[in-house]
N, C-alpha and C. Protein backbone atom coordinates (compact mmCIF):
# COMPACT_ATOMS: atom_id res chain seq x y z
N MET A 1 19.31 -25.29 12.09
CA MET A 1 19.75 -25.90 10.94
C MET A 1 20.92 -25.30 10.16
N SER A 2 22.03 -26.03 9.99
CA SER A 2 22.85 -25.20 9.40
C SER A 2 22.34 -24.76 8.03
N GLN A 3 23.21 -23.99 7.22
CA GLN A 3 22.89 -23.46 5.72
C GLN A 3 23.42 -24.81 4.90
N PHE A 4 24.20 -25.69 5.42
CA PHE A 4 24.74 -26.47 4.35
C PHE A 4 23.81 -27.79 4.28
N PHE A 5 23.08 -27.99 5.70
CA PHE A 5 21.93 -29.07 5.57
C PHE A 5 20.64 -28.63 5.00
N VAL A 6 20.19 -27.49 5.01
CA VAL A 6 19.22 -26.85 4.36
C VAL A 6 19.28 -27.07 2.58
N LYS A 7 20.85 -26.47 2.44
CA LYS A 7 21.03 -26.71 0.89
C LYS A 7 20.93 -28.17 0.62
N LEU A 8 21.25 -28.91 1.36
CA LEU A 8 21.32 -30.49 0.83
C LEU A 8 19.98 -31.07 0.76
N LEU A 9 19.27 -30.58 1.70
CA LEU A 9 17.82 -30.74 1.51
C LEU A 9 16.98 -30.41 0.60
N VAL A 10 17.31 -29.22 0.25
CA VAL A 10 16.49 -28.54 -0.90
C VAL A 10 16.92 -29.43 -2.14
N PHE A 11 18.26 -29.57 -2.34
CA PHE A 11 18.96 -30.26 -3.44
C PHE A 11 18.34 -31.78 -3.49
N SER A 12 18.12 -32.04 -2.34
CA SER A 12 17.94 -33.58 -2.81
C SER A 12 16.34 -33.66 -3.15
N LEU A 13 15.41 -32.72 -2.58
CA LEU A 13 14.17 -32.56 -2.69
C LEU A 13 13.93 -32.25 -4.36
N LEU A 14 14.77 -31.47 -5.04
CA LEU A 14 14.63 -31.17 -6.42
C LEU A 14 15.20 -32.29 -7.23
N LEU A 15 16.02 -32.74 -6.72
CA LEU A 15 16.78 -33.70 -7.72
C LEU A 15 16.43 -35.20 -7.71
N GLY A 16 16.15 -35.33 -6.27
CA GLY A 16 15.65 -36.93 -6.01
C GLY A 16 14.19 -37.14 -7.06
N PRO A 17 13.64 -36.83 -7.05
CA PRO A 17 12.32 -37.23 -7.85
C PRO A 17 12.76 -37.13 -9.43
N HIS A 18 13.85 -36.65 -9.59
CA HIS A 18 14.13 -36.39 -11.39
C HIS A 18 15.29 -37.64 -11.42
N CYS A 19 15.85 -37.95 -10.54
CA CYS A 19 16.85 -39.47 -10.84
C CYS A 19 15.64 -40.24 -10.68
N LEU A 20 14.91 -40.25 -9.51
CA LEU A 20 13.81 -41.57 -9.80
C LEU A 20 12.85 -41.79 -10.89
N ASN A 21 12.55 -40.58 -11.43
CA ASN A 21 11.83 -40.52 -12.77
C ASN A 21 12.77 -41.27 -13.98
N ALA A 22 14.13 -40.90 -14.05
CA ALA A 22 14.58 -41.14 -14.77
C ALA A 22 15.21 -42.89 -14.97
N GLN A 23 15.27 -43.20 -13.74
CA GLN A 23 15.65 -44.67 -13.10
C GLN A 23 14.17 -45.28 -14.00
N MET A 24 12.85 -44.53 -13.29
CA MET A 24 11.57 -45.40 -13.82
C MET A 24 11.60 -45.49 -15.28
N ALA A 25 12.17 -44.56 -15.69
CA ALA A 25 11.69 -44.59 -17.11
C ALA A 25 12.64 -45.28 -18.00
N TYR A 26 13.75 -45.76 -17.50
CA TYR A 26 14.97 -46.79 -18.20
C TYR A 26 14.51 -47.96 -17.77
N LYS A 27 13.77 -49.14 -18.08
CA LYS A 27 13.50 -50.40 -17.75
C LYS A 27 14.52 -51.51 -18.12
N VAL A 28 15.12 -52.14 -17.24
CA VAL A 28 16.43 -52.77 -17.56
C VAL A 28 16.00 -54.02 -18.26
N GLN A 29 14.61 -54.39 -18.50
CA GLN A 29 14.37 -55.56 -19.14
C GLN A 29 13.93 -55.14 -20.69
N ASP A 30 13.90 -54.01 -20.87
CA ASP A 30 13.82 -53.20 -22.26
C ASP A 30 15.43 -53.30 -22.96
N HIS A 31 16.52 -53.07 -22.28
CA HIS A 31 17.67 -52.94 -22.92
C HIS A 31 18.76 -53.97 -22.34
N TYR A 32 18.33 -55.11 -21.62
CA TYR A 32 19.40 -56.16 -21.18
C TYR A 32 18.69 -57.31 -21.22
N THR A 33 19.48 -58.50 -21.39
CA THR A 33 18.97 -59.88 -21.46
C THR A 33 19.77 -60.56 -20.06
N LYS A 34 18.77 -61.07 -19.27
CA LYS A 34 19.22 -61.74 -18.22
C LYS A 34 19.61 -63.41 -18.12
N ILE A 35 20.61 -63.80 -17.80
CA ILE A 35 20.97 -65.16 -17.76
C ILE A 35 21.43 -65.40 -16.45
N GLU A 36 20.76 -66.69 -15.81
CA GLU A 36 21.03 -66.88 -14.43
C GLU A 36 22.17 -68.47 -14.98
N THR A 37 23.53 -68.43 -14.14
CA THR A 37 23.86 -69.70 -14.24
C THR A 37 25.01 -70.05 -12.71
N TYR A 38 25.22 -71.38 -13.15
CA TYR A 38 25.95 -71.57 -12.12
C TYR A 38 27.80 -71.90 -12.70
N ILE A 39 28.66 -70.99 -12.02
CA ILE A 39 30.03 -71.12 -12.64
C ILE A 39 30.76 -71.80 -11.51
N THR A 40 31.60 -73.06 -12.07
CA THR A 40 32.31 -73.93 -11.19
C THR A 40 33.57 -73.45 -10.84
N MET A 41 33.74 -73.44 -9.42
CA MET A 41 35.25 -72.85 -8.94
C MET A 41 36.33 -74.18 -8.98
N ARG A 42 37.57 -73.87 -8.77
CA ARG A 42 38.42 -74.90 -8.79
C ARG A 42 38.36 -76.22 -7.89
N ASP A 43 37.45 -76.02 -6.82
CA ASP A 43 37.18 -77.03 -5.81
C ASP A 43 35.79 -77.92 -6.27
N GLY A 44 35.36 -77.25 -7.39
CA GLY A 44 33.98 -78.36 -7.56
C GLY A 44 32.98 -77.43 -6.95
N VAL A 45 33.07 -76.41 -6.37
CA VAL A 45 31.64 -75.70 -5.87
C VAL A 45 31.32 -74.93 -6.82
N LYS A 46 29.81 -74.72 -6.77
CA LYS A 46 29.06 -73.84 -8.17
C LYS A 46 28.71 -72.47 -7.33
N LEU A 47 29.10 -71.28 -7.87
CA LEU A 47 28.54 -70.10 -7.04
C LEU A 47 27.20 -69.49 -8.32
N PHE A 48 26.29 -68.98 -7.83
CA PHE A 48 25.27 -68.66 -8.74
C PHE A 48 25.51 -67.28 -9.12
N THR A 49 25.39 -67.16 -10.23
CA THR A 49 25.58 -65.82 -10.91
C THR A 49 24.52 -65.68 -12.10
N ALA A 50 24.28 -63.73 -11.79
CA ALA A 50 23.27 -63.56 -13.12
C ALA A 50 23.88 -62.65 -13.83
N ILE A 51 23.71 -62.91 -15.24
CA ILE A 51 24.41 -62.13 -16.17
C ILE A 51 23.77 -61.07 -16.82
N TYR A 52 23.95 -59.96 -16.68
CA TYR A 52 22.80 -58.78 -17.79
C TYR A 52 23.80 -58.42 -18.79
N THR A 53 23.22 -58.77 -20.15
CA THR A 53 24.09 -58.42 -21.25
C THR A 53 23.51 -57.36 -22.03
N PRO A 54 23.84 -56.55 -22.24
CA PRO A 54 23.00 -55.37 -23.12
C PRO A 54 22.55 -55.92 -24.36
N LYS A 55 21.43 -55.57 -24.89
CA LYS A 55 20.68 -56.41 -26.00
C LYS A 55 21.63 -55.60 -27.22
N LEU A 56 22.17 -54.45 -27.04
CA LEU A 56 23.00 -54.00 -28.14
C LEU A 56 24.61 -54.65 -28.33
N ALA A 57 24.98 -55.53 -27.71
CA ALA A 57 26.16 -55.83 -27.52
C ALA A 57 26.40 -56.76 -28.83
N THR A 58 27.23 -56.76 -29.64
CA THR A 58 27.46 -57.56 -30.87
C THR A 58 29.28 -57.86 -30.50
N ALA A 59 29.39 -58.96 -31.40
CA ALA A 59 30.77 -59.28 -31.86
C ALA A 59 31.77 -57.96 -32.33
N THR A 60 31.06 -57.13 -33.13
CA THR A 60 31.77 -55.49 -33.55
C THR A 60 31.59 -54.74 -32.55
N HIS A 61 30.90 -54.66 -31.61
CA HIS A 61 30.91 -53.66 -30.48
C HIS A 61 31.07 -53.98 -28.94
N PRO A 62 31.68 -54.99 -28.91
CA PRO A 62 31.73 -55.66 -27.41
C PRO A 62 31.65 -54.59 -26.28
N TYR A 63 31.28 -55.12 -24.95
CA TYR A 63 31.45 -54.31 -24.08
C TYR A 63 32.16 -54.69 -22.54
N PRO A 64 32.70 -53.69 -21.66
CA PRO A 64 33.38 -54.60 -20.86
C PRO A 64 32.40 -55.31 -19.69
N ILE A 65 32.98 -55.86 -18.76
CA ILE A 65 32.18 -56.41 -17.85
C ILE A 65 32.09 -55.86 -16.49
N LEU A 66 31.20 -55.73 -15.57
CA LEU A 66 31.46 -55.01 -14.26
C LEU A 66 30.72 -56.11 -13.40
N LEU A 67 31.81 -56.61 -12.48
CA LEU A 67 31.21 -57.87 -11.51
C LEU A 67 31.19 -57.38 -10.04
N GLN A 68 29.90 -57.68 -9.49
CA GLN A 68 30.09 -57.55 -7.72
C GLN A 68 29.58 -59.18 -7.40
N ARG A 69 30.22 -59.61 -6.64
CA ARG A 69 30.18 -60.65 -5.76
C ARG A 69 29.69 -60.17 -4.49
N THR A 70 28.99 -61.11 -3.86
CA THR A 70 28.19 -60.44 -2.71
C THR A 70 27.55 -61.68 -1.56
N CYS A 71 27.83 -61.28 -0.24
CA CYS A 71 26.80 -62.40 0.63
C CYS A 71 25.55 -61.78 0.62
N TYR A 72 25.34 -60.55 0.36
CA TYR A 72 23.95 -60.03 0.74
C TYR A 72 22.86 -60.68 -0.48
N GLY A 73 22.79 -61.30 -1.46
CA GLY A 73 22.11 -61.85 -2.20
C GLY A 73 22.06 -60.87 -3.59
N ILE A 74 21.45 -61.70 -4.74
CA ILE A 74 21.52 -60.73 -5.94
C ILE A 74 20.21 -60.84 -6.36
N ALA A 75 19.33 -60.88 -5.24
CA ALA A 75 17.77 -60.83 -6.02
C ALA A 75 17.62 -59.27 -6.82
N PRO A 76 16.65 -59.72 -7.67
CA PRO A 76 15.31 -60.85 -7.92
C PRO A 76 15.90 -61.62 -8.57
N TYR A 77 15.52 -63.15 -8.02
CA TYR A 77 16.00 -64.49 -8.78
C TYR A 77 15.22 -64.75 -9.62
N GLY A 78 15.27 -65.61 -10.68
CA GLY A 78 14.31 -65.71 -11.88
C GLY A 78 14.79 -65.26 -13.34
N THR A 79 14.88 -65.99 -14.45
CA THR A 79 15.24 -65.13 -15.49
C THR A 79 14.40 -64.03 -15.73
N ASP A 80 13.11 -63.96 -15.63
CA ASP A 80 12.25 -63.03 -15.91
C ASP A 80 11.88 -62.03 -15.01
N SER A 81 12.74 -62.04 -13.90
CA SER A 81 12.88 -60.90 -12.83
C SER A 81 13.92 -59.63 -12.77
N TYR A 82 13.62 -58.78 -12.85
CA TYR A 82 14.65 -57.67 -13.49
C TYR A 82 14.78 -56.67 -12.29
N PRO A 83 15.91 -56.26 -11.72
CA PRO A 83 15.99 -55.07 -10.78
C PRO A 83 15.85 -53.85 -11.20
N ASN A 84 15.31 -53.10 -10.38
CA ASN A 84 15.09 -51.65 -11.14
C ASN A 84 16.00 -50.67 -11.46
N GLY A 85 17.48 -51.34 -11.27
CA GLY A 85 18.59 -50.73 -11.89
C GLY A 85 19.92 -51.53 -11.97
N LEU A 86 20.91 -51.52 -12.49
CA LEU A 86 22.04 -52.12 -12.68
C LEU A 86 23.11 -51.25 -12.18
N GLY A 87 24.21 -51.97 -11.65
CA GLY A 87 25.67 -51.44 -11.43
C GLY A 87 25.53 -50.19 -10.78
N PRO A 88 26.75 -49.61 -10.31
CA PRO A 88 26.84 -48.35 -9.25
C PRO A 88 26.26 -47.35 -9.62
N SER A 89 25.87 -46.88 -11.03
CA SER A 89 25.43 -45.77 -11.68
C SER A 89 24.42 -45.85 -12.69
N MET A 90 23.60 -44.83 -12.82
CA MET A 90 22.60 -44.95 -14.13
C MET A 90 23.19 -44.71 -15.27
N THR A 91 24.30 -44.18 -15.31
CA THR A 91 25.24 -43.69 -16.63
C THR A 91 25.67 -45.17 -17.10
N MET A 92 26.18 -45.58 -16.24
CA MET A 92 26.87 -47.15 -16.66
C MET A 92 26.26 -48.17 -16.99
N MET A 93 24.86 -48.18 -16.43
CA MET A 93 23.84 -48.78 -17.05
C MET A 93 23.33 -48.55 -18.42
N GLN A 94 23.20 -47.33 -18.85
CA GLN A 94 22.88 -46.67 -19.99
C GLN A 94 23.91 -46.78 -21.01
N GLU A 95 25.15 -46.88 -20.40
CA GLU A 95 26.48 -47.25 -21.53
C GLU A 95 26.43 -48.29 -21.95
N GLY A 96 25.71 -49.38 -21.40
CA GLY A 96 25.84 -50.83 -21.80
C GLY A 96 26.82 -51.57 -21.30
N TYR A 97 27.40 -51.57 -19.89
CA TYR A 97 28.47 -52.60 -19.50
C TYR A 97 27.54 -53.57 -19.49
N ILE A 98 28.18 -54.83 -19.28
CA ILE A 98 27.64 -56.21 -19.11
C ILE A 98 27.93 -56.40 -17.55
N MET A 99 26.54 -56.52 -16.62
CA MET A 99 26.72 -56.69 -15.40
C MET A 99 26.71 -57.67 -14.85
N VAL A 100 27.48 -58.17 -13.89
CA VAL A 100 27.27 -59.80 -13.48
C VAL A 100 27.41 -59.76 -11.93
N TYR A 101 26.42 -60.24 -11.44
CA TYR A 101 26.40 -60.18 -9.80
C TYR A 101 26.65 -61.87 -9.54
N GLN A 102 27.19 -62.04 -8.06
CA GLN A 102 27.30 -63.24 -8.02
C GLN A 102 26.99 -63.63 -6.33
N ASP A 103 26.14 -64.73 -5.83
CA ASP A 103 26.47 -64.81 -4.51
C ASP A 103 27.63 -65.62 -4.40
N VAL A 104 28.31 -65.02 -3.07
CA VAL A 104 29.36 -65.89 -2.66
C VAL A 104 29.26 -67.12 -2.06
N ARG A 105 30.18 -68.09 -2.18
CA ARG A 105 30.40 -69.27 -1.58
C ARG A 105 29.57 -69.51 -0.31
N GLY A 106 28.49 -70.35 -0.35
CA GLY A 106 27.39 -70.79 0.72
C GLY A 106 26.22 -69.63 1.20
N ARG A 107 26.20 -68.89 0.24
CA ARG A 107 25.18 -67.91 0.31
C ARG A 107 24.43 -67.84 -0.44
N TYR A 108 22.95 -67.81 -0.26
CA TYR A 108 21.69 -67.94 -1.16
C TYR A 108 21.78 -68.95 -1.90
N LYS A 109 21.89 -68.88 -3.35
CA LYS A 109 21.77 -70.02 -4.28
C LYS A 109 23.30 -70.55 -4.67
N SER A 110 24.31 -70.09 -4.10
CA SER A 110 25.46 -70.68 -4.05
C SER A 110 25.83 -71.96 -3.36
N GLU A 111 26.66 -72.95 -3.82
CA GLU A 111 27.07 -73.90 -2.91
C GLU A 111 28.17 -73.78 -2.30
N GLY A 112 28.47 -74.54 -1.06
CA GLY A 112 29.76 -74.38 -0.41
C GLY A 112 29.28 -73.96 1.01
N GLN A 113 30.47 -73.66 1.72
CA GLN A 113 30.55 -73.15 3.22
C GLN A 113 30.86 -71.70 3.04
N PHE A 114 30.15 -70.87 3.53
CA PHE A 114 30.06 -69.28 3.96
C PHE A 114 31.01 -69.31 4.90
N THR A 115 32.33 -68.47 4.71
CA THR A 115 33.10 -68.12 5.78
C THR A 115 33.26 -66.70 5.80
N ASN A 116 32.81 -66.06 6.67
CA ASN A 116 32.93 -64.43 6.92
C ASN A 116 34.25 -64.12 6.70
N MET A 117 34.66 -63.37 5.64
CA MET A 117 35.57 -62.46 5.79
C MET A 117 37.20 -63.60 5.46
N THR A 118 36.61 -64.76 4.39
CA THR A 118 37.47 -65.50 4.31
C THR A 118 39.14 -64.87 4.21
N PRO A 119 40.15 -65.58 5.24
CA PRO A 119 41.61 -65.11 4.64
C PRO A 119 42.11 -65.47 3.72
N VAL A 120 42.90 -64.57 3.30
CA VAL A 120 43.90 -64.98 1.86
C VAL A 120 44.81 -66.00 2.22
N THR A 121 44.74 -67.16 1.50
CA THR A 121 45.72 -68.20 1.50
C THR A 121 46.54 -67.83 0.36
N VAL A 122 47.88 -67.23 0.83
CA VAL A 122 48.87 -66.99 0.21
C VAL A 122 49.55 -68.19 -0.85
N HIS A 123 50.23 -69.22 -0.46
CA HIS A 123 50.80 -70.14 -1.23
C HIS A 123 49.28 -71.59 -1.37
N LYS A 124 48.64 -71.25 -2.53
CA LYS A 124 47.34 -72.32 -2.61
C LYS A 124 48.07 -73.45 -3.39
N SER A 125 47.13 -74.42 -2.89
CA SER A 125 47.43 -75.59 -3.65
C SER A 125 46.11 -75.56 -4.71
N LYS A 126 46.20 -76.55 -5.71
CA LYS A 126 45.25 -76.61 -6.39
C LYS A 126 43.64 -76.55 -6.01
N THR A 127 43.61 -77.15 -4.69
CA THR A 127 42.27 -77.18 -4.09
C THR A 127 42.04 -75.84 -2.99
N ASP A 128 43.11 -75.32 -2.77
CA ASP A 128 43.08 -74.29 -1.78
C ASP A 128 42.09 -73.24 -2.26
N VAL A 129 40.96 -72.66 -1.44
CA VAL A 129 40.06 -71.43 -2.09
C VAL A 129 40.10 -70.27 -1.12
N ASP A 130 39.63 -69.06 -1.64
CA ASP A 130 39.28 -68.15 -0.64
C ASP A 130 38.54 -67.26 -1.50
N GLU A 131 38.35 -66.01 -1.35
CA GLU A 131 37.65 -64.86 -2.11
C GLU A 131 38.29 -64.55 -3.36
N SER A 132 39.82 -64.40 -3.27
CA SER A 132 40.80 -64.32 -4.18
C SER A 132 40.46 -65.18 -5.61
N SER A 133 40.63 -66.59 -5.05
CA SER A 133 40.55 -67.45 -6.17
C SER A 133 39.42 -67.68 -6.64
N ASP A 134 38.13 -67.35 -6.16
CA ASP A 134 36.81 -67.44 -6.34
C ASP A 134 36.56 -66.40 -7.52
N THR A 135 37.20 -65.24 -7.19
CA THR A 135 37.04 -64.04 -7.97
C THR A 135 37.86 -64.50 -9.30
N PHE A 136 39.01 -64.92 -9.26
CA PHE A 136 39.85 -65.47 -10.47
C PHE A 136 38.95 -66.30 -11.27
N ASP A 137 38.97 -67.38 -10.40
CA ASP A 137 37.82 -68.55 -11.25
C ASP A 137 36.62 -67.76 -12.18
N THR A 138 35.91 -67.00 -11.58
CA THR A 138 34.68 -66.15 -12.03
C THR A 138 35.22 -65.39 -12.89
N ILE A 139 36.03 -64.48 -13.01
CA ILE A 139 36.67 -63.72 -14.19
C ILE A 139 36.98 -64.45 -15.37
N ASP A 140 37.80 -65.27 -15.21
CA ASP A 140 38.26 -66.42 -16.05
C ASP A 140 37.02 -67.11 -16.84
N TRP A 141 36.02 -67.49 -15.88
CA TRP A 141 35.03 -68.01 -16.58
C TRP A 141 34.16 -66.91 -17.54
N LEU A 142 33.80 -65.73 -16.91
CA LEU A 142 33.02 -64.56 -17.87
C LEU A 142 33.67 -64.41 -19.02
N VAL A 143 34.93 -64.23 -19.14
CA VAL A 143 35.46 -63.79 -20.32
C VAL A 143 35.51 -64.60 -21.31
N LYS A 144 35.65 -65.94 -20.96
CA LYS A 144 35.90 -66.97 -21.72
C LYS A 144 34.24 -67.35 -22.30
N HIS A 145 33.36 -67.23 -21.42
CA HIS A 145 31.87 -67.77 -21.99
C HIS A 145 30.91 -66.59 -22.14
N VAL A 146 31.09 -65.53 -21.63
CA VAL A 146 29.90 -64.53 -21.87
C VAL A 146 30.37 -63.55 -23.19
N PRO A 147 29.40 -63.86 -24.06
CA PRO A 147 29.60 -63.46 -25.65
C PRO A 147 29.72 -61.67 -25.60
N ASN A 148 30.63 -61.54 -26.52
CA ASN A 148 30.43 -59.87 -26.82
C ASN A 148 31.12 -59.27 -25.65
N ASN A 149 31.85 -59.64 -24.92
CA ASN A 149 32.84 -58.99 -23.97
C ASN A 149 34.14 -58.66 -24.56
N ASN A 150 34.63 -57.32 -24.01
CA ASN A 150 35.92 -57.02 -24.52
C ASN A 150 36.85 -57.41 -24.03
N GLY A 151 37.03 -58.43 -22.90
CA GLY A 151 38.04 -58.79 -22.34
C GLY A 151 38.15 -58.09 -20.98
N ASN A 152 37.73 -56.82 -20.40
CA ASN A 152 37.80 -56.11 -19.46
C ASN A 152 36.71 -56.46 -18.44
N VAL A 153 37.34 -56.48 -17.08
CA VAL A 153 36.43 -56.76 -16.40
C VAL A 153 36.86 -56.05 -14.92
N GLY A 154 35.96 -55.37 -14.35
CA GLY A 154 35.97 -54.45 -13.53
C GLY A 154 35.17 -54.79 -12.17
N GLN A 155 35.36 -54.23 -10.99
CA GLN A 155 34.60 -54.66 -9.56
C GLN A 155 34.17 -53.60 -9.14
N TRP A 156 33.29 -53.53 -8.40
CA TRP A 156 32.69 -52.42 -7.46
C TRP A 156 31.93 -53.23 -6.35
N GLY A 157 31.81 -52.31 -5.28
CA GLY A 157 31.19 -52.44 -4.19
C GLY A 157 31.56 -52.12 -2.73
N MET A 158 31.28 -51.83 -1.74
CA MET A 158 31.43 -51.75 -0.48
C MET A 158 31.09 -52.90 0.54
N SER A 159 31.73 -52.59 1.67
CA SER A 159 31.45 -53.61 2.68
C SER A 159 31.94 -54.87 2.27
N TYR A 160 31.19 -55.98 2.16
CA TYR A 160 31.54 -57.23 1.86
C TYR A 160 31.84 -57.40 0.35
N PRO A 161 31.26 -56.44 -0.32
CA PRO A 161 31.30 -56.72 -2.01
C PRO A 161 32.92 -55.99 -1.84
N GLY A 162 33.38 -55.07 -1.35
CA GLY A 162 34.69 -54.31 -1.22
C GLY A 162 35.51 -55.66 -1.14
N PHE A 163 35.26 -56.60 -0.05
CA PHE A 163 36.31 -57.27 0.78
C PHE A 163 36.64 -58.15 -0.52
N THR A 164 35.74 -58.59 -1.26
CA THR A 164 35.75 -59.85 -2.20
C THR A 164 36.77 -59.24 -3.46
N GLN A 165 37.24 -58.03 -3.60
CA GLN A 165 37.94 -57.29 -4.63
C GLN A 165 39.64 -57.40 -4.09
N GLN A 166 39.68 -58.56 -3.50
CA GLN A 166 41.26 -59.04 -3.09
C GLN A 166 42.07 -59.13 -4.57
N PRO A 167 43.52 -59.00 -4.09
CA PRO A 167 44.31 -59.29 -5.37
C PRO A 167 43.86 -60.49 -6.03
N VAL A 168 43.59 -60.75 -7.05
CA VAL A 168 43.43 -61.76 -7.92
C VAL A 168 44.76 -62.59 -8.02
N CYS A 169 44.41 -64.09 -7.32
CA CYS A 169 45.54 -64.91 -7.80
C CYS A 169 45.07 -66.36 -7.78
């Protein structure tokens, strides 16, 4: 085995339990309030969305929103069920970002017809939809309806969640 892999294995064994213990010590439900809602898209289809808002968020201390839209499901479902962690990193969760997860059109609890990798419609009418229009409608709704956000919305993800980060139009 190469020295690199030996060092990586030792590093993982030493750091892994520490990261797991830190995450276990930070209980999401102690720091966040979970709301589940449906957000209506421009064509009337409703997309299931889970919003986790930091309990410390106030009008005088607003937070940015981090959004992930996915076809893989946003479990655990239910306002009393919380995941072990939120967002792309422990740091972002501890910093108090408003974390939002959404089942894309036609998947899990969202309405509509799922089309894998919906192509972008360049010249949309008011009823044409694709991932970029669903993302736009979601962000527009979030900024207007989620209390104590600062108007900034970021997205993260790879694979399908990365695909949903198309230019918003």
